[in-house]
Amino acid sequence: MIVRCALTAHVDREEALGYLGWAGQELDADLAARLDRAGDLVERVRPTGLGQVFRVDGISCDAAGVPCAVHLAGTPLVLESRDLAAHLGRPCEVVLMAVTLGLESERVLRRAGVRSAVDGLLVDACASSFVESATNDLSRRIAEDAAARGLRAGARFSPGYGDIPLEVQPRFIAALDAGKLIGLSVTAGNLLVPMKSITAVAGLYDAPGGAAGDSASDAPAPDDALVPKATERRCTTCRLADSCLLRKQGRTCYESR
């Protein structure tokens, strides 16, 4: 199943400021107005998303018996990561997803940076919040589709988290055909283009009372202890945790606001 859709999103101003190291200080009127303008500019962009469901074809273990790679049916992509394998547990299906703000976002970011360094930073932070919101919307749609099939969607996990390397991005994009479908590409350094884009993986699990005859009915029931709860980002799986300004302030990017 492939889902390609326009997404609904908004800029969370506090989240955007959090990306810049804001810790609740009072904003002067000029900065608040510039932040609002930055948010308004970003919200004119139309995010798009893509999701595809793959049946799990097997899970490889290392010499110690620890799961270290997830094999997907219908694609040569192998998700080689102990952290991801532990996060997924024993899903019956896996969803690959990609979200982008598109080339228009690149133009908005470039124009803001030319206008002033401060405006450039504010627009960049607002765009980060906006693409995160769009990815949350795609995750919600995937969860709703899974529920309609008697399944439960787990939390998403992105390349760059934990030990899953960014080097997987070209194969990830190819498995989704995201270049053709939503214009997503990867640089020689394995960074996504357009810059404000997100790729992620989520597991789908048999839910209690799941519909008989669905695509997961023949899969073994997952071990409930291994099924991740629907949490958001975690410092323990973030490659930026050691240098994160928010952590140094005793905060996180996923706390309640």
C-alpha atoms as a PDB file:
ATOM      1  CA  MET A   1       0.000   0.000   0.000  1.00  0.00           C
ATOM      2  CA  ILE A   2       1.335   3.440  -0.959  1.00  0.00           C
ATOM      3  CA  VAL A   3      -0.130   6.638   0.450  1.00  0.00           C
ATOM      4  CA  ARG A   4       0.822  10.011  -1.058  1.00  0.00           C
ATOM      5  CA  CYS A   5      -0.978  13.052   0.275  1.00  0.00           C
ATOM      6  CA  ALA A   6      -0.919  16.736   1.083  1.00  0.00           C
ATOM      7  CA  LEU A   7      -0.529  17.221   4.818  1.00  0.00           C
ATOM      8  CA  THR A   8      -1.981  19.567   7.410  1.00  0.00           C
ATOM      9  CA  ALA A   9       0.560  21.307   9.635  1.00  0.00           C
ATOM     10  CA  HIS A  10       1.173  24.387  11.740  1.00  0.00           C
ATOM     11  CA  VAL A  11       4.164  26.168  13.242  1.00  0.00           C
ATOM     12  CA  ASP A  12       4.428  25.841  17.016  1.00  0.00           C
ATOM     13  CA  ARG A  13       6.111  29.144  17.915  1.00  0.00           C
ATOM     14  CA  GLU A  14       7.407  27.866  21.265  1.00  0.00           C
ATOM     15  CA  GLU A  15       8.817  24.747  19.651  1.00  0.00           C
ATOM     16  CA  ALA A  16      10.509  26.893  16.990  1.00  0.00           C
ATOM     17  CA  LEU A  17      12.109  29.066  19.652  1.00  0.00           C
ATOM     18  CA  GLY A  18      13.168  25.918  21.490  1.00  0.00           C
ATOM     19  CA  TYR A  19      15.251  24.919  18.481  1.00  0.00           C
ATOM     20  CA  LEU A  20      17.116  28.207  18.963  1.00  0.00           C
ATOM     21  CA  GLY A  21      17.794  27.591  22.670  1.00  0.00           C
ATOM     22  CA  TRP A  22      14.936  29.708  24.037  1.00  0.00           C
ATOM     23  CA  ALA A  23      14.189  28.859  27.689  1.00  0.00           C
ATOM     24  CA  GLY A  24      11.094  30.932  28.410  1.00  0.00           C
ATOM     25  CA  GLN A  25      12.645  34.374  28.376  1.00  0.00           C
ATOM     26  CA  GLU A  26      10.317  37.277  27.590  1.00  0.00           C
ATOM     27  CA  LEU A  27      10.457  38.281  23.936  1.00  0.00           C
ATOM     28  CA  ASP A  28      10.604  41.932  22.983  1.00  0.00           C
ATOM     29  CA  ALA A  29       7.915  43.192  20.634  1.00  0.00           C
ATOM     30  CA  ASP A  30      10.205  43.343  17.616  1.00  0.00           C
ATOM     31  CA  LEU A  31      11.406  39.737  17.952  1.00  0.00           C
ATOM     32  CA  ALA A  32       7.870  38.484  18.607  1.00  0.00           C
ATOM     33  CA  ALA A  33       6.639  40.246  15.459  1.00  0.00           C
ATOM     34  CA  ARG A  34       9.498  38.815  13.399  1.00  0.00           C
ATOM     35  CA  LEU A  35       8.741  35.341  14.724  1.00  0.00           C
ATOM     36  CA  ASP A  36       5.097  35.719  13.707  1.00  0.00           C
ATOM     37  CA  ARG A  37       6.124  36.846  10.223  1.00  0.00           C
ATOM     38  CA  ALA A  38       8.501  33.903   9.947  1.00  0.00           C
ATOM     39  CA  GLY A  39       5.749  31.496  10.965  1.00  0.00           C
ATOM     40  CA  ASP A  40       3.308  33.018   8.498  1.00  0.00           C
ATOM     41  CA  LEU A  41       5.840  32.695   5.663  1.00  0.00           C
ATOM     42  CA  VAL A  42       6.502  29.044   6.421  1.00  0.00           C
ATOM     43  CA  GLU A  43       2.825  28.167   6.740  1.00  0.00           C
ATOM     44  CA  ARG A  44       2.271  29.208   3.117  1.00  0.00           C
ATOM     45  CA  VAL A  45       4.327  26.199   2.053  1.00  0.00           C
ATOM     46  CA  ARG A  46       2.432  22.992   1.272  1.00  0.00           C
ATOM     47  CA  PRO A  47       3.996  19.881   2.838  1.00  0.00           C
ATOM     48  CA  THR A  48       3.550  16.515   1.186  1.00  0.00           C
ATOM     49  CA  GLY A  49       4.057  13.049   2.553  1.00  0.00           C
ATOM     50  CA  LEU A  50       4.498   9.504   1.386  1.00  0.00           C
ATOM     51  CA  GLY A  51       4.070   6.234   3.219  1.00  0.00           C
ATOM     52  CA  GLN A  52       4.411   2.628   2.090  1.00  0.00           C
ATOM     53  CA  VAL A  53       3.702  -0.551   4.029  1.00  0.00           C
ATOM     54  CA  PHE A  54       6.052  -3.525   3.755  1.00  0.00           C
ATOM     55  CA  ARG A  55       5.611  -6.978   5.222  1.00  0.00           C
ATOM     56  CA  VAL A  56       8.430  -8.018   7.533  1.00  0.00           C
ATOM     57  CA  ASP A  57      10.390 -10.755   5.777  1.00  0.00           C
ATOM     58  CA  GLY A  58      12.649 -11.603   8.690  1.00  0.00           C
ATOM     59  CA  ILE A  59      14.786 -10.240  11.509  1.00  0.00           C
ATOM     60  CA  SER A  60      18.492 -11.076  11.637  1.00  0.00           C
ATOM     61  CA  CYS A  61      20.413 -11.498  14.885  1.00  0.00           C
ATOM     62  CA  ASP A  62      24.097 -11.128  15.670  1.00  0.00           C
ATOM     63  CA  ALA A  63      26.306 -13.859  17.143  1.00  0.00           C
ATOM     64  CA  ALA A  64      24.939 -13.084  20.608  1.00  0.00           C
ATOM     65  CA  GLY A  65      21.343 -13.504  19.424  1.00  0.00           C
ATOM     66  CA  VAL A  66      20.571  -9.778  19.549  1.00  0.00           C
ATOM     67  CA  PRO A  67      18.285  -8.537  16.726  1.00  0.00           C
ATOM     68  CA  CYS A  68      20.360  -6.312  14.453  1.00  0.00           C
ATOM     69  CA  ALA A  69      18.571  -6.026  11.083  1.00  0.00           C
ATOM     70  CA  VAL A  70      15.016  -5.952   9.749  1.00  0.00           C
ATOM     71  CA  HIS A  71      14.356  -7.400   6.279  1.00  0.00           C
ATOM     72  CA  LEU A  72      11.371  -6.115   4.304  1.00  0.00           C
ATOM     73  CA  ALA A  73       9.520  -8.049   1.615  1.00  0.00           C
ATOM     74  CA  GLY A  74       9.434  -6.522  -1.845  1.00  0.00           C
ATOM     75  CA  THR A  75      12.506  -4.316  -1.471  1.00  0.00           C
ATOM     76  CA  PRO A  76      16.265  -4.897  -1.234  1.00  0.00           C
ATOM     77  CA  LEU A  77      16.397  -2.367   1.600  1.00  0.00           C
ATOM     78  CA  VAL A  78      17.608  -3.929   4.859  1.00  0.00           C
ATOM     79  CA  LEU A  79      17.295  -1.808   7.998  1.00  0.00           C
ATOM     80  CA  GLU A  80      20.566  -2.648   9.736  1.00  0.00           C
ATOM     81  CA  SER A  81      20.361  -1.235  13.263  1.00  0.00           C
ATOM     82  CA  ARG A  82      20.256  -2.800  16.713  1.00  0.00           C
ATOM     83  CA  ASP A  83      18.510   0.275  18.106  1.00  0.00           C
ATOM     84  CA  LEU A  84      15.846   0.197  15.403  1.00  0.00           C
ATOM     85  CA  ALA A  85      15.339  -3.556  15.760  1.00  0.00           C
ATOM     86  CA  ALA A  86      14.885  -3.114  19.515  1.00  0.00           C
ATOM     87  CA  HIS A  87      12.530  -0.172  18.952  1.00  0.00           C
ATOM     88  CA  LEU A  88      10.390  -2.094  16.467  1.00  0.00           C
ATOM     89  CA  GLY A  89      10.234  -5.302  18.492  1.00  0.00           C
ATOM     90  CA  ARG A  90       8.263  -7.842  16.472  1.00  0.00           C
ATOM     91  CA  PRO A  91       6.029  -5.965  14.028  1.00  0.00           C
ATOM     92  CA  CYS A  92       3.956  -7.777  11.425  1.00  0.00           C
ATOM     93  CA  GLU A  93       4.466  -4.896   8.975  1.00  0.00           C
ATOM     94  CA  VAL A  94       6.697  -1.844   8.723  1.00  0.00           C
ATOM     95  CA  VAL A  95       5.821   1.558   7.275  1.00  0.00           C
ATOM     96  CA  LEU A  96       8.462   3.655   5.554  1.00  0.00           C
ATOM     97  CA  MET A  97       7.496   7.307   5.427  1.00  0.00           C
ATOM     98  CA  ALA A  98       8.882  10.536   4.010  1.00  0.00           C
ATOM     99  CA  VAL A  99       7.703  14.121   4.408  1.00  0.00           C
ATOM    100  CA  THR A 100       9.008  17.247   2.695  1.00  0.00           C
ATOM    101  CA  LEU A 101       8.225  20.939   2.580  1.00  0.00           C
ATOM    102  CA  GLY A 102       9.317  20.937  -1.056  1.00  0.00           C
ATOM    103  CA  LEU A 103      11.461  23.278  -3.105  1.00  0.00           C
ATOM    104  CA  GLU A 104       9.359  26.308  -2.179  1.00  0.00           C
ATOM    105  CA  SER A 105      10.650  25.977   1.376  1.00  0.00           C
ATOM    106  CA  GLU A 106      14.217  26.252   0.054  1.00  0.00           C
ATOM    107  CA  ARG A 107      13.330  29.540  -1.624  1.00  0.00           C
ATOM    108  CA  VAL A 108      11.655  30.859   1.548  1.00  0.00           C
ATOM    109  CA  LEU A 109      14.699  29.944   3.648  1.00  0.00           C
ATOM    110  CA  ARG A 110      17.119  31.491   1.150  1.00  0.00           C
ATOM    111  CA  ARG A 111      15.205  34.772   0.874  1.00  0.00           C
ATOM    112  CA  ALA A 112      14.931  35.067   4.668  1.00  0.00           C
ATOM    113  CA  GLY A 113      18.658  34.497   5.113  1.00  0.00           C
ATOM    114  CA  VAL A 114      19.456  37.188   2.554  1.00  0.00           C
ATOM    115  CA  ARG A 115      17.134  39.621   4.314  1.00  0.00           C
ATOM    116  CA  SER A 116      18.862  39.243   7.686  1.00  0.00           C
ATOM    117  CA  ALA A 117      20.652  36.654   9.792  1.00  0.00           C
ATOM    118  CA  VAL A 118      17.978  36.852  12.498  1.00  0.00           C
ATOM    119  CA  ASP A 119      15.126  36.367  10.037  1.00  0.00           C
ATOM    120  CA  GLY A 120      17.011  33.471   8.494  1.00  0.00           C
ATOM    121  CA  LEU A 121      17.326  31.732  11.868  1.00  0.00           C
ATOM    122  CA  LEU A 122      13.677  32.350  12.754  1.00  0.00           C
ATOM    123  CA  VAL A 123      12.362  31.043   9.431  1.00  0.00           C
ATOM    124  CA  ASP A 124      14.645  28.012   9.651  1.00  0.00           C
ATOM    125  CA  ALA A 125      13.371  27.194  13.166  1.00  0.00           C
ATOM    126  CA  CYS A 126       9.747  27.690  12.111  1.00  0.00           C
ATOM    127  CA  ALA A 127      10.297  25.396   9.123  1.00  0.00           C
ATOM    128  CA  SER A 128      11.704  22.722  11.449  1.00  0.00           C
ATOM    129  CA  SER A 129       8.583  22.931  13.608  1.00  0.00           C
ATOM    130  CA  PHE A 130       6.369  22.910  10.516  1.00  0.00           C
ATOM    131  CA  VAL A 131       7.890  19.771   8.976  1.00  0.00           C
ATOM    132  CA  GLU A 132       7.681  18.032  12.359  1.00  0.00           C
ATOM    133  CA  SER A 133       3.982  18.926  12.546  1.00  0.00           C
ATOM    134  CA  ALA A 134       3.454  17.622   9.000  1.00  0.00           C
ATOM    135  CA  THR A 135       5.170  14.352   9.911  1.00  0.00           C
ATOM    136  CA  ASN A 136       2.905  14.039  12.940  1.00  0.00           C
ATOM    137  CA  ASP A 137      -0.064  14.405  10.585  1.00  0.00           C
ATOM    138  CA  LEU A 138       1.244  11.642   8.314  1.00  0.00           C
ATOM    139  CA  SER A 139       1.858   9.430  11.362  1.00  0.00           C
ATOM    140  CA  ARG A 140      -1.742  10.042  12.452  1.00  0.00           C
ATOM    141  CA  ARG A 141      -3.098   9.077   9.040  1.00  0.00           C
ATOM    142  CA  ILE A 142      -0.992   5.925   9.013  1.00  0.00           C
ATOM    143  CA  ALA A 143      -2.235   5.029  12.494  1.00  0.00           C
ATOM    144  CA  GLU A 144      -5.852   5.540  11.401  1.00  0.00           C
ATOM    145  CA  ASP A 145      -5.341   3.349   8.338  1.00  0.00           C
ATOM    146  CA  ALA A 146      -3.702   0.677  10.500  1.00  0.00           C
ATOM    147  CA  ALA A 147      -6.563   0.778  12.999  1.00  0.00           C
ATOM    148  CA  ALA A 148      -9.052   0.269  10.167  1.00  0.00           C
ATOM    149  CA  ARG A 149      -7.185  -2.957   9.376  1.00  0.00           C
ATOM    150  CA  GLY A 150      -7.133  -4.105  13.002  1.00  0.00           C
ATOM    151  CA  LEU A 151      -3.529  -3.084  13.602  1.00  0.00           C
ATOM    152  CA  ARG A 152      -1.760  -0.634  15.901  1.00  0.00           C
ATOM    153  CA  ALA A 153       0.978   1.752  14.757  1.00  0.00           C
ATOM    154  CA  GLY A 154       4.068   2.233  16.893  1.00  0.00           C
ATOM    155  CA  ALA A 155       6.225   5.318  17.303  1.00  0.00           C
ATOM    156  CA  ARG A 156       8.367   6.395  14.398  1.00  0.00           C
ATOM    157  CA  PHE A 157      12.161   6.158  14.275  1.00  0.00           C
ATOM    158  CA  SER A 158      14.309   8.141  11.820  1.00  0.00           C
ATOM    159  CA  PRO A 159      17.662   7.557  10.155  1.00  0.00           C
ATOM    160  CA  GLY A 160      20.233   9.337  12.307  1.00  0.00           C
ATOM    161  CA  TYR A 161      18.601   8.192  15.558  1.00  0.00           C
ATOM    162  CA  GLY A 162      20.649   5.750  17.615  1.00  0.00           C
ATOM    163  CA  ASP A 163      22.869   3.560  15.454  1.00  0.00           C
ATOM    164  CA  ILE A 164      20.870   3.720  12.224  1.00  0.00           C
ATOM    165  CA  PRO A 165      23.212   5.660   9.932  1.00  0.00           C
ATOM    166  CA  LEU A 166      22.362   8.440   7.541  1.00  0.00           C
ATOM    167  CA  GLU A 167      24.035   6.314   4.870  1.00  0.00           C
ATOM    168  CA  VAL A 168      20.750   4.398   4.624  1.00  0.00           C
ATOM    169  CA  GLN A 169      18.978   7.457   3.165  1.00  0.00           C
ATOM    170  CA  PRO A 170      19.651   6.787  -0.563  1.00  0.00           C
ATOM    171  CA  ARG A 171      18.303   3.218  -0.313  1.00  0.00           C
ATOM    172  CA  PHE A 172      15.416   4.443   1.864  1.00  0.00           C
ATOM    173  CA  ILE A 173      14.433   7.063  -0.733  1.00  0.00           C
ATOM    174  CA  ALA A 174      14.780   4.508  -3.535  1.00  0.00           C
ATOM    175  CA  ALA A 175      12.534   1.991  -1.733  1.00  0.00           C
ATOM    176  CA  LEU A 176       9.810   4.651  -1.540  1.00  0.00           C
ATOM    177  CA  ASP A 177      10.489   6.048  -5.025  1.00  0.00           C
ATOM    178  CA  ALA A 178      10.330   9.350  -3.159  1.00  0.00           C
ATOM    179  CA  GLY A 179      12.373  11.161  -5.786  1.00  0.00           C
ATOM    180  CA  LYS A 180       9.694  10.628  -8.405  1.00  0.00           C
ATOM    181  CA  LEU A 181       6.676  10.873  -6.117  1.00  0.00           C
ATOM    182  CA  ILE A 182       7.505  13.850  -3.869  1.00  0.00           C
ATOM    183  CA  GLY A 183      10.757  15.252  -5.280  1.00  0.00           C
ATOM    184  CA  LEU A 184      13.010  14.083  -2.453  1.00  0.00           C
ATOM    185  CA  SER A 185      16.706  13.433  -3.046  1.00  0.00           C
ATOM    186  CA  VAL A 186      19.909  12.871  -1.070  1.00  0.00           C
ATOM    187  CA  THR A 187      23.248  14.704  -1.213  1.00  0.00           C
ATOM    188  CA  ALA A 188      26.645  13.009  -1.407  1.00  0.00           C
ATOM    189  CA  GLY A 189      26.810  13.543   2.367  1.00  0.00           C
ATOM    190  CA  ASN A 190      23.471  11.710   2.823  1.00  0.00           C
ATOM    191  CA  LEU A 191      21.501  14.832   3.731  1.00  0.00           C
ATOM    192  CA  LEU A 192      17.952  15.189   2.438  1.00  0.00           C
ATOM    193  CA  VAL A 193      17.021  17.720  -0.249  1.00  0.00           C
ATOM    194  CA  PRO A 194      14.859  19.731   0.219  1.00  0.00           C
ATOM    195  CA  MET A 195      16.519  20.318   3.581  1.00  0.00           C
ATOM    196  CA  LYS A 196      13.265  20.489   5.544  1.00  0.00           C
ATOM    197  CA  SER A 197      12.337  16.849   5.018  1.00  0.00           C
ATOM    198  CA  ILE A 198      12.004  13.850   7.316  1.00  0.00           C
ATOM    199  CA  THR A 199      12.202  10.115   6.710  1.00  0.00           C
ATOM    200  CA  ALA A 200      11.082   7.616   9.319  1.00  0.00           C
ATOM    201  CA  VAL A 201      10.134   4.022  10.056  1.00  0.00           C
ATOM    202  CA  ALA A 202       7.232   2.772  12.180  1.00  0.00           C
ATOM    203  CA  GLY A 203       6.070  -0.713  13.061  1.00  0.00           C
ATOM    204  CA  LEU A 204       2.525  -2.033  12.715  1.00  0.00           C
ATOM    205  CA  TYR A 205       1.355  -4.579  15.282  1.00  0.00           C
ATOM    206  CA  ASP A 206      -1.547  -6.936  15.785  1.00  0.00           C
ATOM    207  CA  ALA A 207      -4.040  -5.194  18.056  1.00  0.00           C
ATOM    208  CA  PRO A 208      -6.337  -7.041  20.475  1.00  0.00           C
ATOM    209  CA  GLY A 209      -9.447  -7.994  18.553  1.00  0.00           C
ATOM    210  CA  GLY A 210      -7.800  -7.270  15.192  1.00  0.00           C
ATOM    211  CA  ALA A 211      -9.823  -8.022  12.102  1.00  0.00           C
ATOM    212  CA  ALA A 212      -9.527 -11.564  10.843  1.00  0.00           C
ATOM    213  CA  GLY A 213      -8.202 -12.011   7.342  1.00  0.00           C
ATOM    214  CA  ASP A 214      -6.154  -8.811   7.303  1.00  0.00           C
ATOM    215  CA  SER A 215      -2.652  -8.710   5.884  1.00  0.00           C
ATOM    216  CA  ALA A 216      -1.107  -9.468   9.260  1.00  0.00           C
ATOM    217  CA  SER A 217      -3.302 -12.412  10.243  1.00  0.00           C
ATOM    218  CA  ASP A 218      -0.648 -15.007   9.390  1.00  0.00           C
ATOM    219  CA  ALA A 219       2.154 -13.214  11.219  1.00  0.00           C
ATOM    220  CA  PRO A 220       3.172 -14.377  14.706  1.00  0.00           C
ATOM    221  CA  ALA A 221       1.741 -12.283  17.507  1.00  0.00           C
ATOM    222  CA  PRO A 222       4.293  -9.765  18.738  1.00  0.00           C
ATOM    223  CA  ASP A 223       5.722  -9.970  22.231  1.00  0.00           C
ATOM    224  CA  ASP A 224       3.891  -7.181  24.069  1.00  0.00           C
ATOM    225  CA  ALA A 225       7.012  -6.421  26.073  1.00  0.00           C
ATOM    226  CA  LEU A 226       8.825  -5.578  22.831  1.00  0.00           C
ATOM    227  CA  VAL A 227       6.112  -3.437  21.272  1.00  0.00           C
ATOM    228  CA  PRO A 228       7.027   0.245  21.714  1.00  0.00           C
ATOM    229  CA  LYS A 229       4.464   2.574  23.196  1.00  0.00           C
ATOM    230  CA  ALA A 230       3.393   5.620  21.192  1.00  0.00           C
ATOM    231  CA  THR A 231       6.055   7.949  22.589  1.00  0.00           C
ATOM    232  CA  GLU A 232       7.718  10.726  20.683  1.00  0.00           C
ATOM    233  CA  ARG A 233      11.407  11.540  20.329  1.00  0.00           C
ATOM    234  CA  ARG A 234      13.807  10.332  23.006  1.00  0.00           C
ATOM    235  CA  CYS A 235      17.196  11.681  24.043  1.00  0.00           C
ATOM    236  CA  THR A 236      18.494   8.116  24.311  1.00  0.00           C
ATOM    237  CA  THR A 237      18.104   7.609  20.557  1.00  0.00           C
ATOM    238  CA  CYS A 238      19.181  11.072  19.364  1.00  0.00           C
ATOM    239  CA  ARG A 239      22.615  11.532  17.831  1.00  0.00           C
ATOM    240  CA  LEU A 240      22.605  15.192  18.920  1.00  0.00           C
ATOM    241  CA  ALA A 241      21.949  14.457  22.599  1.00  0.00           C
ATOM    242  CA  ASP A 242      25.514  15.115  23.766  1.00  0.00           C
ATOM    243  CA  SER A 243      25.596  18.594  22.243  1.00  0.00           C
ATOM    244  CA  CYS A 244      21.907  19.511  22.687  1.00  0.00           C
ATOM    245  CA  LEU A 245      21.336  22.998  24.097  1.00  0.00           C
ATOM    246  CA  LEU A 246      17.912  22.035  25.412  1.00  0.00           C
ATOM    247  CA  ARG A 247      19.322  19.147  27.487  1.00  0.00           C
ATOM    248  CA  LYS A 248      21.895  21.502  28.993  1.00  0.00           C
ATOM    249  CA  GLN A 249      18.960  23.659  30.099  1.00  0.00           C
ATOM    250  CA  GLY A 250      17.206  20.640  31.624  1.00  0.00           C
ATOM    251  CA  ARG A 251      14.601  20.536  28.846  1.00  0.00           C
ATOM    252  CA  THR A 252      13.779  18.360  25.835  1.00  0.00           C
ATOM    253  CA  CYS A 253      12.358  19.012  22.372  1.00  0.00           C
ATOM    254  CA  TYR A 254       9.441  16.647  23.039  1.00  0.00           C
ATOM    255  CA  GLU A 255       8.243  17.788  26.447  1.00  0.00           C
ATOM    256  CA  SER A 256       4.672  18.991  26.949  1.00  0.00           C
ATOM    257  CA  ARG A 257       4.222  22.680  26.232  1.00  0.00           C
END
